[in-house]
Amino acid sequence: MSKRSVTFHGGTASVRKSRRVRFCGARDIYCWHTIRPGEEYVRSVMFPNHDASVYDVPVVHVTCAGCALNYIYLDQLDVSPRRTNRIEDA
């Protein structure tokens, strides 16, 4: 059974399909992937009640499909890899 969303202590994560250009937020592992329209990505939200949060508002983090495998809890999601049928890849 594939998982499209996961809930963990202090936050949630879900797989979404991009409708606009986004940038992967996994800069700590040097990912410079541009998430293009039609590609799947993981959107994580950490709520203010989380122990690690110092903010009074929810924090949203966007991660490309490849980088999601490197994070705890996000590796449980069923996210498809980067599309390869774009014009510039042909």
N, C-alpha and C. Protein backbone atom coordinates (compact mmCIF):
# COMPACT_ATOMS: atom_id res chain seq x y z
N MET A 1 0.84 -1.18 0.00
CA MET A 1 0.00 0.00 0.00
C MET A 1 0.88 1.24 0.00
N SER A 2 0.61 2.16 -0.85
CA SER A 2 1.43 3.36 -0.96
C SER A 2 0.90 4.46 -0.04
N LYS A 3 1.83 5.21 0.51
CA LYS A 3 1.46 6.30 1.40
C LYS A 3 1.69 7.62 0.67
N ARG A 4 0.68 8.47 0.69
CA ARG A 4 0.78 9.78 0.07
C ARG A 4 0.88 10.89 1.11
N SER A 5 0.70 10.53 2.40
CA SER A 5 0.87 11.51 3.47
C SER A 5 1.28 10.78 4.75
N VAL A 6 1.96 11.50 5.62
CA VAL A 6 2.42 10.94 6.88
C VAL A 6 2.32 12.02 7.95
N THR A 7 1.97 11.61 9.16
CA THR A 7 1.90 12.53 10.28
C THR A 7 2.95 12.10 11.29
N PHE A 8 3.71 13.05 11.79
CA PHE A 8 4.73 12.76 12.79
C PHE A 8 4.63 13.80 13.90
N HIS A 9 5.39 13.62 14.96
CA HIS A 9 5.32 14.51 16.11
C HIS A 9 5.58 15.95 15.69
N GLY A 10 4.56 16.76 15.78
CA GLY A 10 4.72 18.19 15.49
C GLY A 10 4.56 18.59 14.05
N GLY A 11 4.20 17.65 13.16
CA GLY A 11 4.06 18.06 11.77
C GLY A 11 3.42 17.02 10.88
N THR A 12 3.28 17.40 9.62
CA THR A 12 2.74 16.51 8.60
C THR A 12 3.55 16.66 7.33
N ALA A 13 3.46 15.66 6.47
CA ALA A 13 4.11 15.73 5.16
C ALA A 13 3.20 15.05 4.15
N SER A 14 3.15 15.59 2.95
CA SER A 14 2.31 15.01 1.91
C SER A 14 2.98 15.17 0.56
N VAL A 15 2.64 14.23 -0.34
CA VAL A 15 3.14 14.28 -1.71
C VAL A 15 2.18 15.12 -2.52
N ARG A 16 2.75 16.04 -3.28
CA ARG A 16 1.93 16.92 -4.13
C ARG A 16 2.52 16.98 -5.52
N LYS A 17 1.69 17.41 -6.47
CA LYS A 17 2.15 17.61 -7.84
C LYS A 17 2.25 19.11 -8.07
N SER A 18 3.41 19.56 -8.51
CA SER A 18 3.67 20.98 -8.66
C SER A 18 2.91 21.57 -9.84
N ARG A 19 2.36 22.76 -9.63
CA ARG A 19 1.71 23.49 -10.71
C ARG A 19 2.54 24.67 -11.16
N ARG A 20 3.66 24.92 -10.48
CA ARG A 20 4.55 26.01 -10.84
C ARG A 20 5.98 25.60 -10.51
N VAL A 21 6.93 26.39 -10.92
CA VAL A 21 8.33 26.11 -10.64
C VAL A 21 8.60 26.35 -9.16
N ARG A 22 9.28 25.40 -8.53
CA ARG A 22 9.67 25.51 -7.12
C ARG A 22 11.14 25.10 -7.01
N PHE A 23 11.74 25.41 -5.89
CA PHE A 23 13.12 25.02 -5.65
C PHE A 23 13.17 24.10 -4.45
N CYS A 24 13.98 23.05 -4.53
CA CYS A 24 14.12 22.10 -3.44
C CYS A 24 14.74 22.80 -2.24
N GLY A 25 14.16 22.60 -1.07
CA GLY A 25 14.65 23.24 0.14
C GLY A 25 15.72 22.45 0.85
N ALA A 26 16.22 21.38 0.26
CA ALA A 26 17.25 20.55 0.90
C ALA A 26 18.63 21.10 0.61
N ARG A 27 18.87 22.32 0.94
CA ARG A 27 20.16 22.96 0.66
C ARG A 27 21.29 22.40 1.51
N ASP A 28 20.93 21.75 2.65
CA ASP A 28 21.97 21.20 3.51
C ASP A 28 22.69 20.00 2.88
N ILE A 29 22.07 19.37 1.88
CA ILE A 29 22.75 18.28 1.17
C ILE A 29 23.07 18.70 -0.27
N TYR A 30 23.09 19.99 -0.51
CA TYR A 30 23.52 20.58 -1.78
C TYR A 30 22.69 20.14 -2.97
N CYS A 31 21.39 20.10 -2.80
CA CYS A 31 20.50 19.81 -3.91
C CYS A 31 20.09 21.13 -4.55
N TRP A 32 20.31 21.28 -5.82
CA TRP A 32 19.93 22.50 -6.53
C TRP A 32 18.86 22.19 -7.56
N HIS A 33 18.06 21.15 -7.28
CA HIS A 33 17.00 20.70 -8.19
C HIS A 33 15.89 21.75 -8.30
N THR A 34 15.48 22.01 -9.51
CA THR A 34 14.31 22.84 -9.77
C THR A 34 13.13 21.91 -10.00
N ILE A 35 12.11 22.04 -9.18
CA ILE A 35 10.91 21.22 -9.32
C ILE A 35 10.02 21.90 -10.35
N ARG A 36 9.80 21.23 -11.45
CA ARG A 36 9.03 21.80 -12.57
C ARG A 36 7.56 21.41 -12.49
N PRO A 37 6.70 22.16 -13.17
CA PRO A 37 5.28 21.81 -13.19
C PRO A 37 5.06 20.37 -13.66
N GLY A 38 4.23 19.64 -12.94
CA GLY A 38 3.96 18.25 -13.26
C GLY A 38 4.78 17.26 -12.46
N GLU A 39 5.88 17.69 -11.85
CA GLU A 39 6.70 16.80 -11.04
C GLU A 39 6.13 16.71 -9.62
N GLU A 40 6.36 15.57 -8.98
CA GLU A 40 5.92 15.40 -7.61
C GLU A 40 6.99 15.89 -6.64
N TYR A 41 6.55 16.43 -5.51
CA TYR A 41 7.45 16.89 -4.46
C TYR A 41 6.79 16.62 -3.11
N VAL A 42 7.53 16.80 -2.04
CA VAL A 42 7.00 16.58 -0.70
C VAL A 42 6.92 17.93 0.01
N ARG A 43 5.74 18.22 0.54
CA ARG A 43 5.50 19.46 1.30
C ARG A 43 5.35 19.08 2.76
N SER A 44 6.27 19.57 3.60
CA SER A 44 6.25 19.30 5.03
C SER A 44 5.86 20.56 5.77
N VAL A 45 5.09 20.38 6.84
CA VAL A 45 4.69 21.50 7.68
C VAL A 45 5.03 21.15 9.13
N MET A 46 5.82 22.02 9.78
CA MET A 46 6.11 21.85 11.20
C MET A 46 5.31 22.89 11.97
N PHE A 47 4.51 22.42 12.90
CA PHE A 47 3.62 23.29 13.63
C PHE A 47 4.33 23.98 14.80
N PRO A 48 3.82 25.12 15.25
CA PRO A 48 4.48 25.88 16.32
C PRO A 48 4.62 25.12 17.64
N ASN A 49 3.81 24.08 17.88
CA ASN A 49 3.92 23.34 19.13
C ASN A 49 5.05 22.32 19.14
N HIS A 50 5.80 22.21 18.04
CA HIS A 50 6.91 21.26 17.95
C HIS A 50 8.07 21.73 18.82
N ASP A 51 8.77 20.78 19.44
CA ASP A 51 9.88 21.11 20.34
C ASP A 51 11.00 21.90 19.64
N ALA A 52 11.25 21.59 18.38
CA ALA A 52 12.35 22.22 17.66
C ALA A 52 11.96 23.57 17.03
N SER A 53 10.68 23.90 17.05
CA SER A 53 10.23 25.13 16.41
C SER A 53 10.38 26.32 17.35
N VAL A 54 10.99 27.38 16.84
CA VAL A 54 11.12 28.62 17.61
C VAL A 54 10.19 29.69 17.05
N TYR A 55 9.32 29.29 16.12
CA TYR A 55 8.43 30.24 15.46
C TYR A 55 7.02 30.14 16.03
N ASP A 56 6.26 31.21 15.85
CA ASP A 56 4.86 31.24 16.29
C ASP A 56 3.90 30.89 15.16
N VAL A 57 4.43 30.60 14.00
CA VAL A 57 3.61 30.24 12.83
C VAL A 57 4.12 28.91 12.27
N PRO A 58 3.30 28.19 11.52
CA PRO A 58 3.76 26.95 10.89
C PRO A 58 4.90 27.22 9.89
N VAL A 59 5.85 26.31 9.85
CA VAL A 59 6.99 26.39 8.93
C VAL A 59 6.78 25.37 7.82
N VAL A 60 6.82 25.83 6.57
CA VAL A 60 6.60 24.96 5.41
C VAL A 60 7.95 24.71 4.73
N HIS A 61 8.19 23.45 4.37
CA HIS A 61 9.44 23.04 3.74
C HIS A 61 9.10 22.22 2.51
N VAL A 62 9.69 22.55 1.36
CA VAL A 62 9.45 21.84 0.11
C VAL A 62 10.71 21.04 -0.25
N THR A 63 10.53 19.76 -0.57
CA THR A 63 11.64 18.88 -0.88
C THR A 63 11.35 18.12 -2.16
N CYS A 64 12.35 18.00 -3.03
CA CYS A 64 12.16 17.24 -4.26
C CYS A 64 12.07 15.75 -3.93
N ALA A 65 11.63 14.94 -4.88
CA ALA A 65 11.40 13.52 -4.66
C ALA A 65 12.69 12.80 -4.28
N GLY A 66 13.79 13.14 -4.87
CA GLY A 66 15.05 12.48 -4.57
C GLY A 66 15.56 12.77 -3.17
N CYS A 67 15.43 14.00 -2.73
CA CYS A 67 15.92 14.38 -1.40
C CYS A 67 15.01 13.88 -0.28
N ALA A 68 13.76 13.63 -0.58
CA ALA A 68 12.83 13.16 0.45
C ALA A 68 13.28 11.82 1.03
N LEU A 69 14.02 11.04 0.26
CA LEU A 69 14.49 9.74 0.73
C LEU A 69 15.56 9.87 1.81
N ASN A 70 16.16 11.05 1.95
CA ASN A 70 17.24 11.26 2.92
C ASN A 70 16.75 11.75 4.27
N TYR A 71 15.45 11.99 4.42
CA TYR A 71 14.90 12.52 5.66
C TYR A 71 14.06 11.46 6.36
N ILE A 72 14.14 11.43 7.69
CA ILE A 72 13.33 10.50 8.47
C ILE A 72 11.85 10.88 8.30
N TYR A 73 10.99 9.95 8.28
CA TYR A 73 9.55 10.05 8.05
C TYR A 73 9.22 10.29 6.57
N LEU A 74 9.98 11.11 5.89
CA LEU A 74 9.67 11.38 4.48
C LEU A 74 10.02 10.19 3.60
N ASP A 75 10.95 9.34 4.05
CA ASP A 75 11.31 8.16 3.27
C ASP A 75 10.19 7.12 3.24
N GLN A 76 9.15 7.30 4.05
CA GLN A 76 8.00 6.39 4.06
C GLN A 76 6.98 6.71 2.97
N LEU A 77 7.13 7.86 2.35
CA LEU A 77 6.16 8.30 1.34
C LEU A 77 6.44 7.67 -0.01
N ASP A 78 5.39 7.45 -0.77
CA ASP A 78 5.50 6.92 -2.12
C ASP A 78 5.49 8.10 -3.10
N VAL A 79 6.67 8.56 -3.45
CA VAL A 79 6.79 9.70 -4.36
C VAL A 79 7.55 9.25 -5.61
N SER A 80 7.03 9.63 -6.77
CA SER A 80 7.65 9.19 -8.02
C SER A 80 8.90 10.02 -8.30
N PRO A 81 9.87 9.43 -8.98
CA PRO A 81 11.09 10.16 -9.30
C PRO A 81 10.84 11.25 -10.33
N ARG A 82 11.86 12.03 -10.60
CA ARG A 82 11.79 13.14 -11.54
C ARG A 82 11.36 12.67 -12.92
N ARG A 83 10.46 13.43 -13.53
CA ARG A 83 10.03 13.11 -14.90
C ARG A 83 11.18 13.32 -15.86
N THR A 84 11.23 12.50 -16.90
CA THR A 84 12.31 12.64 -17.88
C THR A 84 11.78 12.89 -19.28
N ASN A 85 10.50 13.16 -19.42
CA ASN A 85 9.91 13.36 -20.75
C ASN A 85 9.70 14.83 -21.07
N ARG A 86 10.56 15.69 -20.54
CA ARG A 86 10.44 17.11 -20.86
C ARG A 86 11.16 17.41 -22.17
N ILE A 87 10.86 18.52 -22.76
CA ILE A 87 11.42 18.89 -24.07
C ILE A 87 12.94 18.97 -24.02
N GLU A 88 13.51 19.60 -22.97
CA GLU A 88 14.96 19.77 -22.94
C GLU A 88 15.68 18.45 -22.69
N ASP A 89 15.00 17.39 -22.21
CA ASP A 89 15.64 16.10 -22.01
C ASP A 89 15.58 15.24 -23.26
N ALA A 90 14.82 15.63 -24.25
CA ALA A 90 14.65 14.81 -25.45
C ALA A 90 15.86 14.91 -26.36
